Amino acid sequence: MGYKFLSEEWIKAYAEEWNNNQKLRDSLKSFSASIKYFVEGNEGDAVAIEVKNGEVVQAGKADPNKKYDFELWATPENWQKLAKGEMGPRAAMLTKRLKFKGSMITAMKYMSAFEESLRMMSRVPTEW
């Protein structure tokens, strides 16, 4: 039994995976940001996490009135390929299959942690 992808339950389970990943948290010790995720064309159903010094301190529905530090969105097919590891995060961003809004400099600085955070999506039991 899985969670509907990018549902409120899913993002909470994802936040738990994130916080249980010591390597990821260590590599993001000096990173704090709000990150919003959604399926292309469905921004109204976006979910978000708040990261403080590498740890997720809040996860749930995105606030439509809030400006997020990072926004990531893709088609359901591309999200699925990313989560299953069939497509790498860097390639996905370069080919615009994973759309991205936010500081590219920051994203590049934390690219390996960012890639790890996307690969981690496959560890959340997901209903597509």
N, C-alpha and C. Protein backbone atom coordinates (compact mmCIF):
# COMPACT_ATOMS: atom_id res chain seq x y z
N MET A 1 0.85 -1.20 0.00
CA MET A 1 0.00 0.00 0.00
C MET A 1 0.89 1.25 0.00
N GLY A 2 0.72 2.08 -0.98
CA GLY A 2 1.53 3.28 -1.08
C GLY A 2 0.71 4.55 -0.92
N TYR A 3 1.39 5.66 -1.01
CA TYR A 3 0.73 6.97 -0.93
C TYR A 3 0.61 7.52 -2.35
N LYS A 4 -0.43 8.29 -2.58
CA LYS A 4 -0.58 8.94 -3.88
C LYS A 4 0.59 9.92 -4.02
N PHE A 5 1.27 9.83 -5.17
CA PHE A 5 2.46 10.65 -5.39
C PHE A 5 2.17 12.14 -5.17
N LEU A 6 3.04 12.79 -4.42
CA LEU A 6 2.95 14.21 -4.08
C LEU A 6 1.67 14.59 -3.35
N SER A 7 1.10 13.62 -2.62
CA SER A 7 -0.03 13.95 -1.74
C SER A 7 0.56 14.42 -0.41
N GLU A 8 -0.29 14.90 0.46
CA GLU A 8 0.18 15.37 1.76
C GLU A 8 0.81 14.22 2.55
N GLU A 9 0.20 13.03 2.47
CA GLU A 9 0.75 11.85 3.18
C GLU A 9 2.10 11.48 2.57
N TRP A 10 2.19 11.57 1.24
CA TRP A 10 3.43 11.20 0.55
C TRP A 10 4.59 12.12 0.98
N ILE A 11 4.34 13.43 1.00
CA ILE A 11 5.42 14.38 1.33
C ILE A 11 5.86 14.20 2.79
N LYS A 12 4.94 13.81 3.66
CA LYS A 12 5.29 13.57 5.07
C LYS A 12 6.17 12.31 5.18
N ALA A 13 5.84 11.28 4.40
CA ALA A 13 6.65 10.05 4.39
C ALA A 13 8.02 10.36 3.78
N TYR A 14 8.03 11.21 2.78
CA TYR A 14 9.29 11.62 2.14
C TYR A 14 10.18 12.39 3.13
N ALA A 15 9.56 13.27 3.91
CA ALA A 15 10.29 14.05 4.92
C ALA A 15 10.93 13.12 5.94
N GLU A 16 10.22 12.05 6.28
CA GLU A 16 10.73 11.06 7.23
C GLU A 16 11.96 10.36 6.64
N GLU A 17 11.86 9.96 5.37
CA GLU A 17 13.00 9.34 4.67
C GLU A 17 14.20 10.28 4.70
N TRP A 18 13.93 11.55 4.39
CA TRP A 18 14.97 12.58 4.35
C TRP A 18 15.68 12.66 5.70
N ASN A 19 14.89 12.78 6.77
CA ASN A 19 15.46 12.95 8.11
C ASN A 19 16.17 11.69 8.61
N ASN A 20 15.82 10.53 8.05
CA ASN A 20 16.49 9.28 8.41
C ASN A 20 17.78 9.08 7.62
N ASN A 21 18.02 9.94 6.64
CA ASN A 21 19.20 9.81 5.78
C ASN A 21 20.33 10.70 6.33
N GLN A 22 21.14 10.11 7.18
CA GLN A 22 22.19 10.87 7.86
C GLN A 22 23.18 11.51 6.88
N LYS A 23 23.51 10.79 5.82
CA LYS A 23 24.47 11.28 4.82
C LYS A 23 23.91 12.55 4.16
N LEU A 24 22.65 12.51 3.81
CA LEU A 24 22.01 13.66 3.18
C LEU A 24 21.98 14.85 4.14
N ARG A 25 21.59 14.59 5.38
CA ARG A 25 21.52 15.68 6.36
C ARG A 25 22.88 16.28 6.64
N ASP A 26 23.90 15.43 6.71
CA ASP A 26 25.26 15.94 6.93
C ASP A 26 25.73 16.82 5.79
N SER A 27 25.43 16.39 4.56
CA SER A 27 25.90 17.18 3.41
C SER A 27 25.11 18.48 3.23
N LEU A 28 23.99 18.60 3.96
CA LEU A 28 23.17 19.82 3.86
C LEU A 28 23.16 20.60 5.17
N LYS A 29 24.16 20.35 6.02
CA LYS A 29 24.21 21.01 7.34
C LYS A 29 24.06 22.52 7.30
N SER A 30 24.63 23.13 6.25
CA SER A 30 24.55 24.60 6.17
C SER A 30 23.49 25.06 5.16
N PHE A 31 22.52 24.17 4.88
CA PHE A 31 21.49 24.47 3.89
C PHE A 31 20.13 24.60 4.56
N SER A 32 19.48 25.73 4.32
CA SER A 32 18.10 25.93 4.79
C SER A 32 17.31 26.54 3.65
N ALA A 33 16.15 25.96 3.35
CA ALA A 33 15.33 26.46 2.24
C ALA A 33 13.94 25.85 2.29
N SER A 34 13.04 26.50 1.58
CA SER A 34 11.70 25.92 1.39
C SER A 34 11.66 25.40 -0.04
N ILE A 35 11.15 24.19 -0.20
CA ILE A 35 11.12 23.55 -1.52
C ILE A 35 9.70 23.07 -1.82
N LYS A 36 9.24 23.48 -2.99
CA LYS A 36 7.87 23.13 -3.41
C LYS A 36 7.96 22.14 -4.57
N TYR A 37 7.11 21.11 -4.54
CA TYR A 37 7.08 20.09 -5.58
C TYR A 37 5.67 20.01 -6.15
N PHE A 38 5.56 19.89 -7.47
CA PHE A 38 4.24 19.66 -8.02
C PHE A 38 4.30 19.02 -9.41
N VAL A 39 3.18 18.46 -9.81
CA VAL A 39 3.05 17.87 -11.14
C VAL A 39 2.69 18.99 -12.10
N GLU A 40 3.38 19.02 -13.23
CA GLU A 40 3.16 20.05 -14.23
C GLU A 40 1.67 20.26 -14.51
N GLY A 41 1.23 21.52 -14.52
CA GLY A 41 -0.16 21.84 -14.80
C GLY A 41 -1.07 21.65 -13.61
N ASN A 42 -0.50 21.31 -12.48
CA ASN A 42 -1.32 21.01 -11.30
C ASN A 42 -0.76 21.70 -10.07
N GLU A 43 -0.35 22.95 -10.24
CA GLU A 43 0.33 23.67 -9.16
C GLU A 43 -0.56 23.85 -7.93
N GLY A 44 -1.87 23.84 -8.13
CA GLY A 44 -2.81 23.99 -7.02
C GLY A 44 -2.71 22.87 -6.00
N ASP A 45 -2.17 21.72 -6.43
CA ASP A 45 -2.02 20.58 -5.54
C ASP A 45 -0.59 20.39 -5.06
N ALA A 46 0.19 21.46 -5.08
CA ALA A 46 1.60 21.36 -4.71
C ALA A 46 1.79 21.00 -3.25
N VAL A 47 2.92 20.33 -2.97
CA VAL A 47 3.33 20.05 -1.59
C VAL A 47 4.70 20.67 -1.38
N ALA A 48 5.10 20.81 -0.12
CA ALA A 48 6.36 21.49 0.14
C ALA A 48 7.01 20.96 1.41
N ILE A 49 8.33 21.19 1.47
CA ILE A 49 9.06 20.90 2.70
C ILE A 49 9.86 22.13 3.08
N GLU A 50 10.09 22.27 4.36
CA GLU A 50 10.91 23.35 4.90
C GLU A 50 12.14 22.68 5.50
N VAL A 51 13.32 23.03 4.97
CA VAL A 51 14.56 22.43 5.44
C VAL A 51 15.34 23.45 6.25
N LYS A 52 15.75 23.06 7.45
CA LYS A 52 16.58 23.93 8.29
C LYS A 52 17.85 23.18 8.64
N ASN A 53 18.99 23.71 8.21
CA ASN A 53 20.29 23.07 8.47
C ASN A 53 20.28 21.59 8.11
N GLY A 54 19.69 21.28 6.97
CA GLY A 54 19.70 19.92 6.46
C GLY A 54 18.58 19.02 6.92
N GLU A 55 17.78 19.49 7.87
CA GLU A 55 16.70 18.66 8.41
C GLU A 55 15.34 19.21 7.99
N VAL A 56 14.44 18.31 7.59
CA VAL A 56 13.08 18.75 7.25
C VAL A 56 12.33 19.03 8.54
N VAL A 57 11.89 20.28 8.71
CA VAL A 57 11.18 20.65 9.93
C VAL A 57 9.68 20.78 9.69
N GLN A 58 9.29 20.82 8.42
CA GLN A 58 7.88 20.92 8.10
C GLN A 58 7.62 20.32 6.74
N ALA A 59 6.50 19.59 6.60
CA ALA A 59 6.12 18.99 5.32
C ALA A 59 4.61 18.98 5.22
N GLY A 60 4.10 19.28 4.06
CA GLY A 60 2.65 19.26 3.87
C GLY A 60 2.25 19.99 2.60
N LYS A 61 1.01 20.42 2.58
CA LYS A 61 0.49 21.15 1.42
C LYS A 61 1.23 22.47 1.28
N ALA A 62 1.49 22.86 0.04
CA ALA A 62 2.16 24.14 -0.21
C ALA A 62 1.17 25.29 -0.02
N ASP A 63 1.67 26.39 0.49
CA ASP A 63 0.86 27.59 0.67
C ASP A 63 0.88 28.39 -0.63
N PRO A 64 -0.28 28.57 -1.27
CA PRO A 64 -0.30 29.28 -2.56
C PRO A 64 0.17 30.73 -2.47
N ASN A 65 0.17 31.30 -1.27
CA ASN A 65 0.58 32.70 -1.11
C ASN A 65 2.04 32.87 -0.71
N LYS A 66 2.74 31.75 -0.53
CA LYS A 66 4.13 31.82 -0.09
C LYS A 66 5.08 31.72 -1.28
N LYS A 67 6.20 32.46 -1.17
CA LYS A 67 7.22 32.35 -2.20
C LYS A 67 8.25 31.33 -1.70
N TYR A 68 8.47 30.29 -2.47
CA TYR A 68 9.40 29.23 -2.07
C TYR A 68 10.79 29.49 -2.66
N ASP A 69 11.82 29.05 -1.93
CA ASP A 69 13.19 29.22 -2.41
C ASP A 69 13.43 28.40 -3.67
N PHE A 70 12.85 27.20 -3.69
CA PHE A 70 12.99 26.32 -4.85
C PHE A 70 11.64 25.74 -5.22
N GLU A 71 11.43 25.60 -6.52
CA GLU A 71 10.23 24.94 -7.01
C GLU A 71 10.66 23.92 -8.04
N LEU A 72 10.12 22.71 -7.92
CA LEU A 72 10.44 21.64 -8.86
C LEU A 72 9.14 21.08 -9.40
N TRP A 73 9.09 20.95 -10.71
CA TRP A 73 7.89 20.33 -11.28
C TRP A 73 8.24 19.58 -12.55
N ALA A 74 7.40 18.59 -12.86
CA ALA A 74 7.61 17.75 -14.03
C ALA A 74 6.29 17.06 -14.37
N THR A 75 6.25 16.41 -15.52
CA THR A 75 5.06 15.64 -15.89
C THR A 75 5.02 14.39 -15.00
N PRO A 76 3.85 13.77 -14.85
CA PRO A 76 3.78 12.56 -14.03
C PRO A 76 4.77 11.48 -14.52
N GLU A 77 4.92 11.36 -15.85
CA GLU A 77 5.83 10.35 -16.42
C GLU A 77 7.27 10.63 -16.02
N ASN A 78 7.67 11.90 -16.11
CA ASN A 78 9.05 12.24 -15.78
C ASN A 78 9.34 12.13 -14.28
N TRP A 79 8.35 12.48 -13.45
CA TRP A 79 8.52 12.30 -12.00
C TRP A 79 8.77 10.82 -11.71
N GLN A 80 7.97 9.98 -12.38
CA GLN A 80 8.07 8.54 -12.17
C GLN A 80 9.46 8.03 -12.59
N LYS A 81 9.95 8.49 -13.73
CA LYS A 81 11.29 8.08 -14.21
C LYS A 81 12.37 8.53 -13.24
N LEU A 82 12.22 9.75 -12.73
CA LEU A 82 13.19 10.28 -11.76
C LEU A 82 13.17 9.45 -10.48
N ALA A 83 11.98 9.24 -9.94
CA ALA A 83 11.83 8.52 -8.68
C ALA A 83 12.32 7.09 -8.80
N LYS A 84 12.15 6.49 -9.98
CA LYS A 84 12.57 5.10 -10.16
C LYS A 84 14.03 4.99 -10.59
N GLY A 85 14.68 6.15 -10.75
CA GLY A 85 16.08 6.13 -11.11
C GLY A 85 16.34 5.85 -12.59
N GLU A 86 15.29 5.94 -13.43
CA GLU A 86 15.45 5.70 -14.86
C GLU A 86 16.02 6.94 -15.56
N MET A 87 16.00 8.05 -14.82
CA MET A 87 16.52 9.30 -15.38
C MET A 87 17.25 10.02 -14.25
N GLY A 88 18.46 10.50 -14.50
CA GLY A 88 19.21 11.20 -13.48
C GLY A 88 18.73 12.62 -13.31
N PRO A 89 18.77 13.16 -12.08
CA PRO A 89 18.31 14.53 -11.80
C PRO A 89 19.02 15.59 -12.64
N ARG A 90 20.34 15.43 -12.80
CA ARG A 90 21.08 16.44 -13.54
C ARG A 90 20.65 16.45 -15.01
N ALA A 91 20.57 15.26 -15.61
CA ALA A 91 20.12 15.15 -17.00
C ALA A 91 18.70 15.68 -17.14
N ALA A 92 17.86 15.36 -16.17
CA ALA A 92 16.47 15.80 -16.20
C ALA A 92 16.38 17.33 -16.20
N MET A 93 17.25 17.97 -15.39
CA MET A 93 17.24 19.44 -15.33
C MET A 93 17.79 20.05 -16.62
N LEU A 94 18.88 19.47 -17.13
CA LEU A 94 19.50 20.01 -18.34
C LEU A 94 18.57 19.90 -19.54
N THR A 95 17.81 18.82 -19.61
CA THR A 95 16.90 18.62 -20.74
C THR A 95 15.52 19.21 -20.47
N LYS A 96 15.38 19.91 -19.34
CA LYS A 96 14.12 20.57 -18.95
C LYS A 96 12.97 19.59 -18.74
N ARG A 97 13.31 18.32 -18.49
CA ARG A 97 12.24 17.38 -18.16
C ARG A 97 11.85 17.53 -16.70
N LEU A 98 12.80 18.07 -15.91
CA LEU A 98 12.49 18.46 -14.53
C LEU A 98 12.65 19.97 -14.53
N LYS A 99 11.54 20.67 -14.34
CA LYS A 99 11.58 22.13 -14.35
C LYS A 99 11.99 22.59 -12.97
N PHE A 100 12.68 23.72 -12.95
CA PHE A 100 13.32 24.16 -11.72
C PHE A 100 13.27 25.67 -11.63
N LYS A 101 12.91 26.16 -10.45
CA LYS A 101 12.95 27.61 -10.21
C LYS A 101 13.66 27.82 -8.88
N GLY A 102 14.62 28.71 -8.86
CA GLY A 102 15.37 28.96 -7.63
C GLY A 102 16.82 29.25 -7.98
N SER A 103 17.66 29.41 -6.98
CA SER A 103 19.06 29.74 -7.20
C SER A 103 19.83 28.57 -7.79
N MET A 104 20.25 28.71 -9.03
CA MET A 104 21.02 27.66 -9.70
C MET A 104 22.38 27.51 -9.02
N ILE A 105 22.93 28.59 -8.51
CA ILE A 105 24.23 28.55 -7.83
C ILE A 105 24.14 27.66 -6.60
N THR A 106 23.09 27.86 -5.81
CA THR A 106 22.87 27.04 -4.62
C THR A 106 22.64 25.58 -5.02
N ALA A 107 21.83 25.38 -6.05
CA ALA A 107 21.53 24.02 -6.51
C ALA A 107 22.81 23.31 -6.95
N MET A 108 23.69 24.04 -7.65
CA MET A 108 24.94 23.45 -8.12
C MET A 108 25.86 23.12 -6.93
N LYS A 109 25.87 24.00 -5.96
CA LYS A 109 26.70 23.80 -4.77
C LYS A 109 26.32 22.51 -4.04
N TYR A 110 25.01 22.23 -4.03
CA TYR A 110 24.51 21.06 -3.32
C TYR A 110 24.02 19.97 -4.28
N MET A 111 24.57 19.95 -5.50
CA MET A 111 24.05 19.04 -6.53
C MET A 111 24.02 17.57 -6.10
N SER A 112 25.07 17.06 -5.45
CA SER A 112 25.05 15.64 -5.11
C SER A 112 23.97 15.35 -4.05
N ALA A 113 23.80 16.26 -3.11
CA ALA A 113 22.74 16.10 -2.10
C ALA A 113 21.37 16.22 -2.76
N PHE A 114 21.27 17.15 -3.72
CA PHE A 114 20.03 17.37 -4.45
C PHE A 114 19.67 16.09 -5.23
N GLU A 115 20.66 15.50 -5.88
CA GLU A 115 20.43 14.25 -6.63
C GLU A 115 20.00 13.14 -5.68
N GLU A 116 20.66 13.07 -4.53
CA GLU A 116 20.31 12.06 -3.53
C GLU A 116 18.87 12.26 -3.05
N SER A 117 18.47 13.51 -2.83
CA SER A 117 17.11 13.78 -2.34
C SER A 117 16.06 13.35 -3.37
N LEU A 118 16.39 13.47 -4.66
CA LEU A 118 15.44 13.04 -5.69
C LEU A 118 15.42 11.52 -5.82
N ARG A 119 16.60 10.91 -5.72
CA ARG A 119 16.66 9.44 -5.79
C ARG A 119 15.91 8.80 -4.62
N MET A 120 15.90 9.51 -3.49
CA MET A 120 15.23 9.02 -2.29
C MET A 120 13.72 8.86 -2.48
N MET A 121 13.19 9.54 -3.46
CA MET A 121 11.74 9.45 -3.72
C MET A 121 11.32 8.02 -3.97
N SER A 122 12.24 7.21 -4.51
CA SER A 122 11.90 5.81 -4.81
C SER A 122 11.71 4.99 -3.54
N ARG A 123 12.18 5.51 -2.40
CA ARG A 123 12.04 4.75 -1.14
C ARG A 123 10.69 4.98 -0.47
N VAL A 124 9.93 5.93 -0.96
CA VAL A 124 8.59 6.16 -0.41
C VAL A 124 7.62 5.26 -1.17
N PRO A 125 6.84 4.43 -0.44
CA PRO A 125 5.85 3.59 -1.13
C PRO A 125 4.86 4.48 -1.87
N THR A 126 4.87 4.40 -3.20
CA THR A 126 4.11 5.35 -4.01
C THR A 126 3.08 4.68 -4.89
N GLU A 127 1.92 5.29 -4.92
CA GLU A 127 0.85 4.88 -5.84
C GLU A 127 0.84 5.87 -6.98
N TRP A 128 1.13 5.39 -8.17
CA TRP A 128 1.13 6.28 -9.32
C TRP A 128 -0.25 6.28 -9.93
